[in-house]
Amino acid sequence: MENRKKVAFYTLGCKLNFSETSTIARNFNDEGFDRVDFEEIADIYVINTCSVTENADKQFKQVVKKAMKLNEKAFVAAVGCYAQLKPEELAAVDGVDLVLGATEKFKITDYIHDLSKNDMGEVHSCEIAEADFYVGSYSIGDRTRAFLKVQDGCDYKCTYCTIPLARGISRSDALENVLKNAKEISAQNIREIVLTGVNIGDYGKGEFGNKKHEHTFLDLVQALDKVEGIERLRISSIEPNLLKNETIEFVSKSRTFVPHFHIPLQSGSNDILKLMKRRYLREVYVDRVNKIREVMPHACIGVDVIVGFPGETDEHFLETYHFLNDLDISYLHVFTYSERDNTEAVDMEGVVPSNVRAKRSKMLRGLSVKKRRAFYESQLGTNRTVLFEGENKEGYIHGFTENYVKVKTPWNPELVNTLQEINLTKIDEDGSVRIEFLNKLAEV
């Protein structure tokens, strides 16, 4: 009997990439390959790339080196955003054999016939205008939660962003297909589904190939809330101008959607928001936060922010810092601006020195620690539900409440992938929260 070939995957970047990697992995399984961990010796290593930051580019080369150390004869394929934007650059990296762009990555098994090493990576990359069809994806088996892709691409023209160049126009999965995928996920004993995409608030645009919105994001949320078997649904990230009051109000009364919102801000200065060509001003952001707090006082609100954008003076940065300090939010994801080819921002005046970018990033990361601590303190003494994860970390098991408080308790394998009613008791030295079980049967 012929030995089955082994394939391993490494994902850089966002939740959307994780959902697509998992789908590509299932395609390999259907073609007779066995999936193994990336730390193991494999015949093929597939790296799903990211282009959001310069660091992701560097990481790619490190991951290729890692694969070559494990098996110098292995076939290495690169897919994803970086592979679409700079295929020739990736193909030239020592060890890379195949580079596939935005439309080709889901047909990767069609390109893998001869697994012998190439002197130079073979490139199959489309013109991004051809990336106008939708491929549904979801992740399963990698975590206690699943990432469900509902939308792809973006029609926004933010001046710092390469995603429209890497993923094409905004397009959505058919509502009936999203519901089918959600049912398939829930049938696998997965307790939580995270909705993901490039711009999920734009859901419904491009559904069935139409330019207009067939459905709205609210339609999607309302339909998913009715799917039997799903215990938790989480919205990964949504633009403030697309997060409507009706959606916030529905989530506050929902059976399955949890009180957690991640809303990109990028800057607290209207001057910088205009330079970025964002589709809102900071007043809209304040309105979104206030509405969430009005109907869900206990909700967790995460914020994306970019520091060091061209033209960001000390005054602009302090405007952002004070804006965030005064805002009732729960944590920050801080990104240091990095120049990306073929964007408007790369040619803008007022370049911020790298040491100044680093200093501003450090200040906002410090603010994030303070904000998260204050949010956690506000939740002490409350009863919540925790979904426990599968890793034993130094004798503890961790999990997240519905409103995204990270908790810990002594390791107990019987708690893995279970939902438990708990009380939040105290904040530990590592920043996570200790708990007491409300159901004593859970304390095995």
Protein backbone atom coordinates (compact mmCIF):
# COMPACT_ATOMS: atom_id res chain seq x y z
CA MET A 1 0.00 0.00 0.00
CA GLU A 2 1.38 3.41 -0.97
CA ASN A 3 2.32 5.68 1.94
CA ARG A 4 0.07 8.71 2.27
CA LYS A 5 1.90 12.02 1.93
CA LYS A 6 2.02 14.31 4.95
CA VAL A 7 1.14 18.01 4.82
CA ALA A 8 1.64 20.69 7.49
CA PHE A 9 0.29 24.25 7.70
CA TYR A 10 1.44 27.52 9.21
CA THR A 11 -0.84 30.56 9.33
CA LEU A 12 0.34 34.16 9.63
CA GLY A 13 -2.06 37.01 10.28
CA CYS A 14 -5.76 37.21 10.96
CA LYS A 15 -8.69 34.98 11.94
CA LEU A 16 -9.79 35.02 8.30
CA ASN A 17 -6.51 33.38 7.31
CA PHE A 18 -7.05 30.69 9.97
CA SER A 19 -10.49 29.88 8.57
CA GLU A 20 -9.06 29.58 5.05
CA THR A 21 -6.08 27.47 6.13
CA SER A 22 -8.46 25.02 7.78
CA THR A 23 -10.55 24.77 4.60
CA ILE A 24 -7.45 24.23 2.44
CA ALA A 25 -6.34 21.52 4.89
CA ARG A 26 -9.65 19.69 4.44
CA ASN A 27 -9.11 19.82 0.67
CA PHE A 28 -5.75 18.07 1.14
CA ASN A 29 -7.43 15.45 3.31
CA ASP A 30 -10.00 14.80 0.56
CA GLU A 31 -7.09 14.26 -1.85
CA GLY A 32 -5.52 11.57 0.36
CA PHE A 33 -3.00 13.58 2.39
CA ASP A 34 -2.53 13.30 6.15
CA ARG A 35 -2.29 16.55 8.09
CA VAL A 36 0.48 16.77 10.69
CA ASP A 37 1.63 19.51 13.04
CA PHE A 38 4.06 22.07 11.59
CA GLU A 39 6.66 20.94 14.12
CA GLU A 40 6.69 17.49 12.51
CA ILE A 41 8.43 16.18 9.40
CA ALA A 42 6.12 16.58 6.40
CA ASP A 43 6.30 16.14 2.63
CA ILE A 44 4.59 19.49 2.02
CA TYR A 45 4.59 22.67 4.11
CA VAL A 46 1.91 25.25 3.25
CA ILE A 47 2.39 28.78 4.62
CA ASN A 48 -0.61 31.13 4.57
CA THR A 49 0.89 34.62 4.45
CA CYS A 50 -0.09 38.07 5.66
CA SER A 51 0.77 41.51 4.31
CA VAL A 52 -0.60 43.83 6.97
CA THR A 53 2.74 44.65 8.60
CA GLU A 54 6.39 44.50 7.69
CA ASN A 55 6.89 42.03 10.52
CA ALA A 56 4.64 39.47 8.79
CA ASP A 57 6.96 39.61 5.76
CA LYS A 58 9.97 38.83 7.94
CA GLN A 59 8.10 36.07 9.74
CA PHE A 60 7.50 34.31 6.45
CA LYS A 61 11.22 33.82 5.83
CA GLN A 62 11.67 32.49 9.36
CA VAL A 63 8.85 29.96 8.86
CA VAL A 64 10.38 28.74 5.56
CA LYS A 65 13.72 28.22 7.34
CA LYS A 66 11.94 26.27 10.05
CA ALA A 67 10.33 23.98 7.46
CA MET A 68 13.66 23.42 5.69
CA LYS A 69 15.31 22.45 8.98
CA LEU A 70 12.62 19.85 9.59
CA ASN A 71 12.89 18.40 6.07
CA GLU A 72 15.26 19.93 3.53
CA LYS A 73 13.58 17.91 0.75
CA ALA A 74 10.06 19.09 1.62
CA PHE A 75 7.92 20.95 -0.92
CA VAL A 76 7.09 24.47 0.34
CA ALA A 77 4.05 26.39 -0.92
CA ALA A 78 3.12 30.00 -0.10
CA VAL A 79 -0.46 31.25 -0.35
CA GLY A 80 -2.38 34.26 0.97
CA CYS A 81 -2.16 38.05 0.87
CA TYR A 82 1.62 38.48 0.65
CA ALA A 83 1.68 35.78 -2.04
CA GLN A 84 -0.82 37.80 -4.07
CA LEU A 85 0.93 41.15 -3.62
CA LYS A 86 4.56 40.11 -4.09
CA PRO A 87 4.64 36.64 -5.64
CA GLU A 88 8.06 37.03 -7.30
CA GLU A 89 9.58 38.17 -4.01
CA LEU A 90 8.29 35.07 -2.24
CA ALA A 91 9.29 32.79 -5.09
CA ALA A 92 12.88 34.00 -4.69
CA VAL A 93 13.05 32.98 -1.01
CA ASP A 94 15.37 29.99 -0.65
CA GLY A 95 13.30 26.82 -0.20
CA VAL A 96 10.00 28.07 -1.69
CA ASP A 97 8.67 25.90 -4.54
CA LEU A 98 5.18 27.24 -5.27
CA VAL A 99 3.43 30.61 -4.83
CA LEU A 100 -0.33 30.89 -5.31
CA GLY A 101 -2.39 34.08 -5.41
CA ALA A 102 -5.87 35.01 -4.21
CA THR A 103 -7.93 32.85 -6.57
CA GLU A 104 -5.51 29.93 -6.89
CA LYS A 105 -4.98 29.10 -3.20
CA PHE A 106 -8.21 27.11 -2.88
CA LYS A 107 -7.15 24.92 -5.81
CA ILE A 108 -3.68 24.22 -4.41
CA THR A 109 -3.96 20.44 -4.79
CA ASP A 110 -4.37 20.95 -8.56
CA TYR A 111 -0.90 22.51 -8.66
CA ILE A 112 0.89 19.84 -6.65
CA HIS A 113 1.85 16.91 -8.85
CA ASP A 114 5.61 16.61 -8.63
CA LEU A 115 6.96 17.20 -5.12
CA SER A 116 10.58 17.59 -6.16
CA LYS A 117 12.28 20.84 -5.14
CA ASN A 118 12.46 23.74 -7.60
CA ASP A 119 15.46 26.04 -8.08
CA MET A 120 13.00 28.95 -8.15
CA GLY A 121 9.44 29.07 -6.86
CA GLU A 122 6.74 28.56 -9.48
CA VAL A 123 4.21 31.42 -9.48
CA HIS A 124 0.48 31.27 -10.24
CA SER A 125 -1.03 34.63 -9.36
CA CYS A 126 -4.12 36.25 -10.83
CA GLU A 127 -4.85 39.87 -11.58
CA ILE A 128 -6.69 40.96 -8.43
CA ALA A 129 -9.70 42.09 -10.50
CA GLU A 130 -10.27 38.38 -11.19
CA ALA A 131 -10.79 37.73 -7.46
CA ASP A 132 -14.50 38.39 -7.75
CA PHE A 133 -15.94 35.04 -6.66
CA TYR A 134 -16.53 33.77 -3.14
CA VAL A 135 -15.08 30.69 -1.46
CA GLY A 136 -16.65 29.79 1.88
CA SER A 137 -14.33 28.74 4.72
CA TYR A 138 -14.31 27.83 8.36
CA SER A 139 -11.78 26.49 10.83
CA ILE A 140 -12.44 23.33 12.80
CA GLY A 141 -10.30 21.15 15.04
CA ASP A 142 -7.61 23.78 15.63
CA ARG A 143 -9.18 25.47 18.67
CA THR A 144 -12.17 25.21 21.03
CA ARG A 145 -13.76 27.96 18.93
CA ALA A 146 -14.25 28.04 15.16
CA PHE A 147 -13.67 30.95 12.78
CA LEU A 148 -16.48 31.21 10.23
CA LYS A 149 -15.76 33.32 7.16
CA VAL A 150 -18.84 35.24 5.99
CA GLN A 151 -17.30 37.93 3.76
CA ASP A 152 -14.11 38.62 1.78
CA GLY A 153 -12.44 41.60 0.10
CA CYS A 154 -13.00 45.32 0.68
CA ASP A 155 -14.23 48.30 -1.33
CA TYR A 156 -12.79 50.84 1.11
CA LYS A 157 -9.71 52.78 0.05
CA CYS A 158 -7.90 53.42 3.33
CA THR A 159 -4.60 55.04 2.41
CA TYR A 160 -2.40 52.68 4.47
CA CYS A 161 -4.01 49.37 3.52
CA THR A 162 -3.06 46.72 0.94
CA ILE A 163 -5.96 44.36 1.65
CA PRO A 164 -8.10 45.46 -1.35
CA LEU A 165 -5.04 44.80 -3.55
CA ALA A 166 -4.53 41.40 -1.93
CA ARG A 167 -8.13 40.19 -1.67
CA GLY A 168 -10.16 42.11 -4.23
CA ILE A 169 -13.63 43.58 -4.08
CA SER A 170 -16.12 43.14 -1.23
CA ARG A 171 -18.19 39.97 -1.64
CA SER A 172 -20.21 37.81 0.68
CA ASP A 173 -21.18 34.21 1.22
CA ALA A 174 -24.81 33.32 0.50
CA LEU A 175 -26.82 33.48 3.72
CA GLU A 176 -28.02 29.89 3.31
CA ASN A 177 -24.42 28.72 2.95
CA VAL A 178 -23.31 30.59 6.09
CA LEU A 179 -26.12 28.88 8.00
CA LYS A 180 -25.16 25.48 6.54
CA ASN A 181 -21.53 25.98 7.60
CA ALA A 182 -22.62 27.11 11.08
CA LYS A 183 -24.69 23.92 11.47
CA GLU A 184 -21.73 21.79 10.33
CA ILE A 185 -19.51 23.49 12.92
CA SER A 186 -22.00 23.09 15.78
CA ALA A 187 -22.38 19.38 14.90
CA GLN A 188 -18.64 18.97 15.70
CA ASN A 189 -19.19 19.81 19.39
CA ILE A 190 -17.68 23.28 18.97
CA ARG A 191 -19.16 25.67 21.50
CA GLU A 192 -18.24 29.05 19.99
CA ILE A 193 -18.20 30.46 16.48
CA VAL A 194 -16.38 33.70 15.64
CA LEU A 195 -17.64 35.52 12.54
CA THR A 196 -14.78 36.73 10.39
CA GLY A 197 -14.06 38.50 7.11
CA VAL A 198 -12.20 41.54 5.82
CA ASN A 199 -15.13 43.95 6.35
CA ILE A 200 -17.96 41.90 7.85
CA GLY A 201 -20.22 44.89 8.44
CA ASP A 202 -20.47 45.08 4.63
CA TYR A 203 -22.03 41.60 4.62
CA GLY A 204 -24.57 41.03 1.84
CA LYS A 205 -22.70 43.00 -0.81
CA GLY A 206 -21.60 40.69 -3.60
CA GLU A 207 -23.83 37.85 -2.40
CA PHE A 208 -24.73 35.71 -5.46
CA GLY A 209 -22.34 37.92 -7.46
CA ASN A 210 -24.63 40.96 -7.21
CA LYS A 211 -23.13 44.39 -6.54
CA LYS A 212 -26.02 45.43 -4.30
CA HIS A 213 -26.71 44.13 -0.81
CA GLU A 214 -28.88 41.03 -0.94
CA HIS A 215 -28.93 40.88 2.86
CA THR A 216 -27.59 43.12 5.64
CA PHE A 217 -25.27 42.29 8.50
CA LEU A 218 -28.30 42.51 10.81
CA ASP A 219 -30.09 39.90 8.65
CA LEU A 220 -27.06 37.63 9.06
CA VAL A 221 -26.91 38.07 12.84
CA GLN A 222 -30.64 37.47 13.25
CA ALA A 223 -30.55 34.31 11.09
CA LEU A 224 -27.53 32.84 12.89
CA ASP A 225 -29.14 33.46 16.28
CA LYS A 226 -31.86 30.96 15.31
CA VAL A 227 -29.51 28.08 14.40
CA GLU A 228 -30.00 25.21 16.83
CA GLY A 229 -26.93 23.80 18.55
CA ILE A 230 -24.81 26.95 18.54
CA GLU A 231 -24.05 28.07 22.08
CA ARG A 232 -21.93 31.16 21.45
CA LEU A 233 -21.45 33.54 18.53
CA ARG A 234 -18.85 36.31 18.58
CA ILE A 235 -18.38 39.21 16.13
CA SER A 236 -14.65 39.47 15.42
CA SER A 237 -14.18 43.03 14.14
CA ILE A 238 -16.58 45.53 12.62
CA GLU A 239 -16.17 49.06 11.27
CA PRO A 240 -17.82 51.73 13.49
CA ASN A 241 -19.78 53.22 10.59
CA LEU A 242 -21.25 49.78 9.79
CA LEU A 243 -22.14 48.82 13.37
CA LYS A 244 -25.75 49.99 13.52
CA ASN A 245 -27.87 50.64 16.63
CA GLU A 246 -30.24 47.87 15.55
CA THR A 247 -27.39 45.34 15.59
CA ILE A 248 -26.17 46.48 19.01
CA GLU A 249 -29.70 46.25 20.41
CA PHE A 250 -30.23 42.80 18.90
CA VAL A 251 -26.95 41.48 20.38
CA SER A 252 -27.97 42.81 23.81
CA LYS A 253 -31.07 40.55 23.73
CA SER A 254 -29.59 37.70 21.68
CA ARG A 255 -29.72 34.03 22.65
CA THR A 256 -26.20 33.31 21.35
CA PHE A 257 -24.29 36.51 20.47
CA VAL A 258 -21.93 37.52 23.26
CA PRO A 259 -21.36 41.07 24.59
CA HIS A 260 -17.98 41.63 22.97
CA PHE A 261 -17.21 44.08 20.17
CA HIS A 262 -13.90 44.77 18.47
CA ILE A 263 -14.15 48.08 16.63
CA PRO A 264 -11.23 49.57 14.64
CA LEU A 265 -10.59 53.23 15.44
CA GLN A 266 -7.06 53.73 13.98
CA SER A 267 -6.78 57.31 15.26
CA GLY A 268 -8.47 59.58 17.78
CA SER A 269 -7.63 62.62 15.65
CA ASN A 270 -10.10 63.65 12.96
CA ASP A 271 -7.22 65.18 10.97
CA ILE A 272 -5.48 61.80 10.80
CA LEU A 273 -8.72 59.90 10.14
CA LYS A 274 -9.22 62.11 7.07
CA LEU A 275 -5.65 61.45 5.88
CA MET A 276 -6.32 57.74 6.33
CA LYS A 277 -9.58 58.08 4.33
CA ARG A 278 -11.55 56.34 7.05
CA ARG A 279 -15.31 56.58 6.57
CA TYR A 280 -16.17 58.16 9.93
CA LEU A 281 -14.96 60.78 12.38
CA ARG A 282 -14.25 60.17 16.05
CA GLU A 283 -17.68 61.46 17.07
CA VAL A 284 -19.22 58.40 15.39
CA TYR A 285 -16.91 56.16 17.41
CA VAL A 286 -17.97 57.79 20.68
CA ASP A 287 -21.60 57.26 19.69
CA ARG A 288 -21.00 53.53 19.06
CA VAL A 289 -19.27 53.04 22.42
CA ASN A 290 -21.98 54.97 24.28
CA LYS A 291 -24.73 52.91 22.64
CA ILE A 292 -23.05 49.63 23.60
CA ARG A 293 -22.57 50.83 27.19
CA GLU A 294 -26.23 51.95 27.34
CA VAL A 295 -27.65 48.50 26.54
CA MET A 296 -24.71 46.27 27.67
CA PRO A 297 -22.81 47.94 30.53
CA HIS A 298 -20.75 44.76 31.06
CA ALA A 299 -19.70 44.42 27.39
CA CYS A 300 -16.05 44.16 26.39
CA ILE A 301 -14.99 46.71 23.75
CA GLY A 302 -11.66 46.27 21.97
CA VAL A 303 -10.03 48.92 19.79
CA ASP A 304 -7.53 48.83 16.89
CA VAL A 305 -5.27 51.89 16.69
CA ILE A 306 -2.33 52.81 14.44
CA VAL A 307 0.53 55.01 15.67
CA GLY A 308 3.08 56.88 13.58
CA PHE A 309 0.96 57.47 10.49
CA PRO A 310 2.49 60.10 8.16
CA GLY A 311 1.55 63.56 9.36
CA GLU A 312 0.85 62.42 12.94
CA THR A 313 2.39 65.16 15.08
CA ASP A 314 2.91 64.98 18.84
CA GLU A 315 -0.33 66.95 19.19
CA HIS A 316 -2.25 64.46 17.02
CA PHE A 317 -0.88 61.53 19.01
CA LEU A 318 -1.77 63.14 22.37
CA GLU A 319 -5.24 63.79 20.97
CA THR A 320 -5.53 60.05 20.30
CA TYR A 321 -4.07 59.13 23.70
CA HIS A 322 -6.45 61.38 25.66
CA PHE A 323 -9.41 60.33 23.51
CA LEU A 324 -8.78 56.66 24.31
CA ASN A 325 -7.99 57.36 27.96
CA ASP A 326 -11.37 59.09 28.39
CA LEU A 327 -13.31 56.44 26.42
CA ASP A 328 -15.00 53.56 28.26
CA ILE A 329 -13.21 50.77 26.37
CA SER A 330 -11.63 47.50 27.55
CA TYR A 331 -8.34 46.96 25.66
CA LEU A 332 -6.30 48.11 22.64
CA HIS A 333 -4.62 46.36 19.73
CA VAL A 334 -1.78 48.76 18.87
CA PHE A 335 -0.19 48.71 15.42
CA THR A 336 2.92 50.67 14.53
CA TYR A 337 2.48 52.14 11.04
CA SER A 338 4.69 50.49 8.44
CA GLU A 339 5.08 51.62 4.84
CA ARG A 340 3.40 49.36 2.28
CA ASP A 341 4.06 49.54 -1.44
CA ASN A 342 1.26 50.74 -3.74
CA THR A 343 -0.59 52.64 -1.02
CA GLU A 344 -1.28 56.39 -0.93
CA ALA A 345 0.29 56.79 2.50
CA VAL A 346 3.74 55.67 1.34
CA ASP A 347 4.12 58.94 -0.60
CA MET A 348 2.72 61.23 2.11
CA GLU A 349 4.74 63.93 3.79
CA GLY A 350 5.41 64.12 7.52
CA VAL A 351 7.09 60.73 7.93
CA VAL A 352 7.32 59.87 11.63
CA PRO A 353 10.78 58.62 12.74
CA SER A 354 10.83 54.96 13.78
CA ASN A 355 12.00 55.74 17.32
CA VAL A 356 9.03 58.10 17.76
CA ARG A 357 6.66 55.43 16.42
CA ALA A 358 8.09 52.95 18.94
CA LYS A 359 7.68 55.40 21.82
CA ARG A 360 4.06 56.13 20.92
CA SER A 361 3.32 52.42 20.56
CA LYS A 362 4.77 51.76 24.02
CA MET A 363 2.59 54.49 25.54
CA LEU A 364 -0.57 53.06 24.05
CA ARG A 365 0.34 49.51 25.03
CA GLY A 366 0.73 50.77 28.58
CA LEU A 367 -2.70 52.40 28.33
CA SER A 368 -4.13 49.10 27.11
CA VAL A 369 -2.81 47.29 30.21
CA LYS A 370 -4.45 49.93 32.39
CA LYS A 371 -7.75 49.73 30.50
CA ARG A 372 -7.89 45.91 30.63
CA ARG A 373 -7.12 45.94 34.36
CA ALA A 374 -9.90 48.47 35.02
CA PHE A 375 -12.34 46.41 32.95
CA TYR A 376 -11.42 43.20 34.78
CA GLU A 377 -11.77 44.95 38.15
CA SER A 378 -15.26 46.12 37.15
CA GLN A 379 -16.22 42.48 36.56
CA LEU A 380 -15.02 41.07 39.90
CA GLY A 381 -17.84 39.58 41.95
CA THR A 382 -20.06 38.98 38.90
CA ASN A 383 -21.30 35.61 37.68
CA ARG A 384 -20.26 34.67 34.16
CA THR A 385 -20.00 31.69 31.82
CA VAL A 386 -16.54 30.48 30.79
CA LEU A 387 -15.52 28.38 27.79
CA PHE A 388 -12.38 26.48 28.79
CA GLU A 389 -9.58 25.85 26.30
CA GLY A 390 -7.47 22.74 25.81
CA GLU A 391 -3.96 23.66 26.89
CA ASN A 392 -2.27 22.91 30.21
CA LYS A 393 -0.24 26.05 30.94
CA GLU A 394 1.99 25.54 33.96
CA GLY A 395 -0.68 23.60 35.80
CA TYR A 396 -3.59 25.87 34.89
CA ILE A 397 -6.44 25.76 32.41
CA HIS A 398 -7.55 29.07 30.89
CA GLY A 399 -10.74 30.23 29.27
CA PHE A 400 -12.75 33.30 28.33
CA THR A 401 -16.05 34.57 29.67
CA GLU A 402 -18.76 35.66 27.26
CA ASN A 403 -17.50 39.24 27.71
CA TYR A 404 -13.90 38.23 27.05
CA VAL A 405 -12.41 38.19 30.53
CA LYS A 406 -9.51 35.71 30.60
CA VAL A 407 -9.78 33.36 33.57
CA LYS A 408 -7.67 30.57 35.08
CA THR A 409 -8.16 27.65 37.44
CA PRO A 410 -6.02 24.59 38.32
CA TRP A 411 -5.72 22.18 35.38
CA ASN A 412 -8.55 19.70 35.02
CA PRO A 413 -8.84 17.89 31.66
CA GLU A 414 -12.56 17.33 32.22
CA LEU A 415 -13.10 21.06 31.87
CA VAL A 416 -11.67 21.25 28.31
CA ASN A 417 -14.25 22.58 25.80
CA THR A 418 -16.95 22.91 28.46
CA LEU A 419 -19.03 25.93 29.44
CA GLN A 420 -19.06 26.51 33.19
CA GLU A 421 -20.96 28.93 35.40
CA ILE A 422 -18.44 30.78 37.57
CA ASN A 423 -17.91 33.80 39.79
CA LEU A 424 -14.97 36.12 39.11
CA THR A 425 -13.03 36.44 42.37
CA LYS A 426 -9.62 38.13 42.01
CA ILE A 427 -7.04 39.25 39.44
CA ASP A 428 -3.88 37.13 39.44
CA GLU A 429 -0.30 38.33 38.94
CA ASP A 430 -0.34 37.33 35.26
CA GLY A 431 -3.42 39.49 34.64
CA SER A 432 -5.94 36.66 34.33
CA VAL A 433 -8.81 36.27 36.80
CA ARG A 434 -9.24 33.56 39.42
CA ILE A 435 -12.68 32.03 39.72
CA GLU A 436 -15.06 30.06 41.90
CA PHE A 437 -17.37 27.50 40.33
CA LEU A 438 -21.08 28.06 40.95
CA ASN A 439 -21.69 24.39 40.11
CA LYS A 440 -19.58 22.42 42.60
CA LEU A 441 -19.83 19.34 40.37
CA ALA A 442 -17.37 21.07 38.04
CA GLU A 443 -14.67 20.86 40.71
CA VAL A 444 -13.66 17.27 40.03
